């Protein structure tokens, strides 16, 4: 599975990075970016939690 971030929607709140820093980080523009090409199985639940916790629905995990 992979994580995708809609950078036009992202508000840079950092909730995803706080929930799953192994998969998401804020870049120089204060926007979230996925840092893994493929989400490891052991991080999948946290990545989905970050997706569900995004206040503006900018994250998709599929």
N, C-alpha and C. Protein backbone atom coordinates (compact mmCIF):
# COMPACT_ATOMS: atom_id res chain seq x y z
N UNK A 1 0.84 -1.18 0.00
CA UNK A 1 0.00 0.00 0.00
C UNK A 1 0.89 1.24 0.00
N UNK A 2 0.30 2.32 -0.49
CA UNK A 2 1.02 3.59 -0.57
C UNK A 2 0.21 4.70 0.08
N UNK A 3 0.90 5.75 0.47
CA UNK A 3 0.26 6.94 1.02
C UNK A 3 0.38 8.07 0.00
N UNK A 4 -0.70 8.82 -0.13
CA UNK A 4 -0.74 9.96 -1.04
C UNK A 4 -1.23 11.18 -0.25
N UNK A 5 -0.67 12.34 -0.55
CA UNK A 5 -1.09 13.58 0.09
C UNK A 5 -1.47 14.58 -0.99
N UNK A 6 -2.66 15.13 -0.90
CA UNK A 6 -3.10 16.21 -1.78
C UNK A 6 -2.52 17.50 -1.23
N UNK A 7 -1.46 17.97 -1.85
CA UNK A 7 -0.75 19.15 -1.34
C UNK A 7 -1.58 20.43 -1.44
N UNK A 8 -2.53 20.45 -2.35
CA UNK A 8 -3.40 21.63 -2.45
C UNK A 8 -4.36 21.70 -1.27
N UNK A 9 -4.68 20.56 -0.70
CA UNK A 9 -5.62 20.49 0.42
C UNK A 9 -4.91 20.55 1.77
N UNK A 10 -3.70 20.02 1.84
CA UNK A 10 -2.94 19.95 3.09
C UNK A 10 -2.76 21.34 3.71
N UNK A 11 -3.03 21.42 5.02
CA UNK A 11 -2.87 22.69 5.73
C UNK A 11 -1.63 22.69 6.62
N UNK A 12 -0.86 21.61 6.58
CA UNK A 12 0.39 21.55 7.32
C UNK A 12 0.23 21.51 8.82
N UNK A 13 -0.84 20.90 9.31
CA UNK A 13 -1.08 20.86 10.76
C UNK A 13 -0.14 19.90 11.48
N UNK A 14 0.41 18.92 10.76
CA UNK A 14 1.36 17.99 11.35
C UNK A 14 0.74 16.80 12.07
N UNK A 15 -0.59 16.67 12.01
CA UNK A 15 -1.24 15.55 12.69
C UNK A 15 -0.75 14.21 12.16
N UNK A 16 -0.55 14.11 10.86
CA UNK A 16 -0.10 12.85 10.27
C UNK A 16 1.31 12.49 10.74
N UNK A 17 2.17 13.48 10.77
CA UNK A 17 3.54 13.25 11.23
C UNK A 17 3.55 12.87 12.71
N UNK A 18 2.67 13.47 13.48
CA UNK A 18 2.57 13.12 14.89
C UNK A 18 2.06 11.71 15.10
N UNK A 19 1.17 11.27 14.22
CA UNK A 19 0.59 9.93 14.32
C UNK A 19 1.52 8.86 13.76
N UNK A 20 2.14 9.15 12.63
CA UNK A 20 2.95 8.14 11.94
C UNK A 20 4.19 8.78 11.31
N UNK A 21 5.16 9.17 12.13
CA UNK A 21 6.35 9.85 11.60
C UNK A 21 7.23 8.97 10.72
N UNK A 22 7.01 7.66 10.76
CA UNK A 22 7.78 6.76 9.90
C UNK A 22 7.29 6.81 8.46
N UNK A 23 6.10 7.39 8.22
CA UNK A 23 5.54 7.44 6.87
C UNK A 23 5.35 8.88 6.38
N UNK A 24 5.07 9.83 7.29
CA UNK A 24 4.79 11.21 6.89
C UNK A 24 5.74 12.19 7.56
N UNK A 25 6.07 13.27 6.83
CA UNK A 25 6.81 14.38 7.42
C UNK A 25 6.38 15.66 6.74
N UNK A 26 6.61 16.77 7.40
CA UNK A 26 6.34 18.07 6.80
C UNK A 26 7.60 18.52 6.06
N UNK A 27 7.42 19.02 4.84
CA UNK A 27 8.56 19.46 4.05
C UNK A 27 8.86 20.94 4.29
N UNK A 28 9.72 21.50 3.47
CA UNK A 28 10.13 22.90 3.61
C UNK A 28 8.99 23.88 3.41
N UNK A 29 7.94 23.46 2.72
CA UNK A 29 6.77 24.32 2.49
C UNK A 29 5.69 24.08 3.55
N UNK A 30 6.05 23.31 4.58
CA UNK A 30 5.13 22.97 5.66
C UNK A 30 3.91 22.19 5.16
N UNK A 31 4.15 21.33 4.19
CA UNK A 31 3.13 20.44 3.65
C UNK A 31 3.58 19.00 3.91
N UNK A 32 2.63 18.14 4.15
CA UNK A 32 2.94 16.75 4.41
C UNK A 32 3.38 16.03 3.14
N UNK A 33 4.36 15.16 3.30
CA UNK A 33 4.81 14.30 2.20
C UNK A 33 5.03 12.89 2.75
N UNK A 34 4.64 11.88 1.96
CA UNK A 34 4.96 10.51 2.37
C UNK A 34 6.45 10.26 2.15
N UNK A 35 7.10 9.61 3.09
CA UNK A 35 8.53 9.37 2.98
C UNK A 35 8.85 7.90 2.71
N UNK A 36 7.83 7.08 2.50
CA UNK A 36 8.01 5.67 2.13
C UNK A 36 7.31 5.43 0.79
N UNK A 37 7.99 4.72 -0.11
CA UNK A 37 7.36 4.34 -1.37
C UNK A 37 6.23 3.35 -1.12
N UNK A 38 6.51 2.39 -0.28
CA UNK A 38 5.52 1.38 0.11
C UNK A 38 5.43 1.39 1.63
N UNK A 39 4.22 1.37 2.16
CA UNK A 39 4.05 1.37 3.60
C UNK A 39 4.28 -0.05 4.11
N UNK A 40 5.24 -0.24 5.01
CA UNK A 40 5.46 -1.57 5.57
C UNK A 40 4.22 -2.05 6.32
N UNK A 41 4.02 -3.33 6.32
CA UNK A 41 2.84 -3.94 6.95
C UNK A 41 2.69 -3.51 8.41
N UNK A 42 3.81 -3.41 9.12
CA UNK A 42 3.75 -3.07 10.54
C UNK A 42 3.36 -1.61 10.79
N UNK A 43 3.36 -0.77 9.75
CA UNK A 43 2.99 0.64 9.89
C UNK A 43 1.64 0.97 9.26
N UNK A 44 1.02 -0.02 8.66
CA UNK A 44 -0.21 0.21 7.92
C UNK A 44 -1.34 0.76 8.81
N UNK A 45 -1.51 0.20 10.00
CA UNK A 45 -2.57 0.69 10.89
C UNK A 45 -2.34 2.14 11.28
N UNK A 46 -1.09 2.51 11.57
CA UNK A 46 -0.79 3.90 11.93
C UNK A 46 -0.98 4.83 10.74
N UNK A 47 -0.61 4.39 9.55
CA UNK A 47 -0.81 5.22 8.36
C UNK A 47 -2.29 5.46 8.11
N UNK A 48 -3.10 4.43 8.31
CA UNK A 48 -4.55 4.59 8.14
C UNK A 48 -5.13 5.48 9.23
N UNK A 49 -4.57 5.40 10.42
CA UNK A 49 -5.00 6.29 11.51
C UNK A 49 -4.68 7.74 11.15
N UNK A 50 -3.53 7.96 10.54
CA UNK A 50 -3.16 9.31 10.10
C UNK A 50 -4.12 9.79 9.01
N UNK A 51 -4.49 8.90 8.10
CA UNK A 51 -5.45 9.23 7.05
C UNK A 51 -6.78 9.66 7.67
N UNK A 52 -7.26 8.89 8.62
CA UNK A 52 -8.55 9.19 9.25
C UNK A 52 -8.48 10.44 10.12
N UNK A 53 -7.30 10.73 10.66
CA UNK A 53 -7.14 11.88 11.54
C UNK A 53 -6.87 13.18 10.84
N UNK A 54 -6.65 13.14 9.53
CA UNK A 54 -6.37 14.38 8.80
C UNK A 54 -7.62 15.27 8.81
N UNK A 55 -7.51 16.48 9.35
CA UNK A 55 -8.69 17.33 9.49
C UNK A 55 -9.27 17.84 8.17
N UNK A 56 -8.49 17.76 7.09
CA UNK A 56 -8.98 18.26 5.80
C UNK A 56 -9.02 17.15 4.74
N UNK A 57 -8.89 15.89 5.17
CA UNK A 57 -8.96 14.74 4.26
C UNK A 57 -7.98 14.84 3.09
N UNK A 58 -6.76 15.25 3.39
CA UNK A 58 -5.74 15.38 2.34
C UNK A 58 -4.97 14.09 2.09
N UNK A 59 -5.14 13.10 2.96
CA UNK A 59 -4.36 11.87 2.88
C UNK A 59 -5.23 10.72 2.38
N UNK A 60 -4.63 9.91 1.49
CA UNK A 60 -5.26 8.69 1.02
C UNK A 60 -4.23 7.57 1.17
N UNK A 61 -4.66 6.47 1.75
CA UNK A 61 -3.82 5.28 1.85
C UNK A 61 -4.53 4.19 1.06
N UNK A 62 -3.84 3.71 0.01
CA UNK A 62 -4.42 2.62 -0.80
C UNK A 62 -3.36 1.80 -1.45
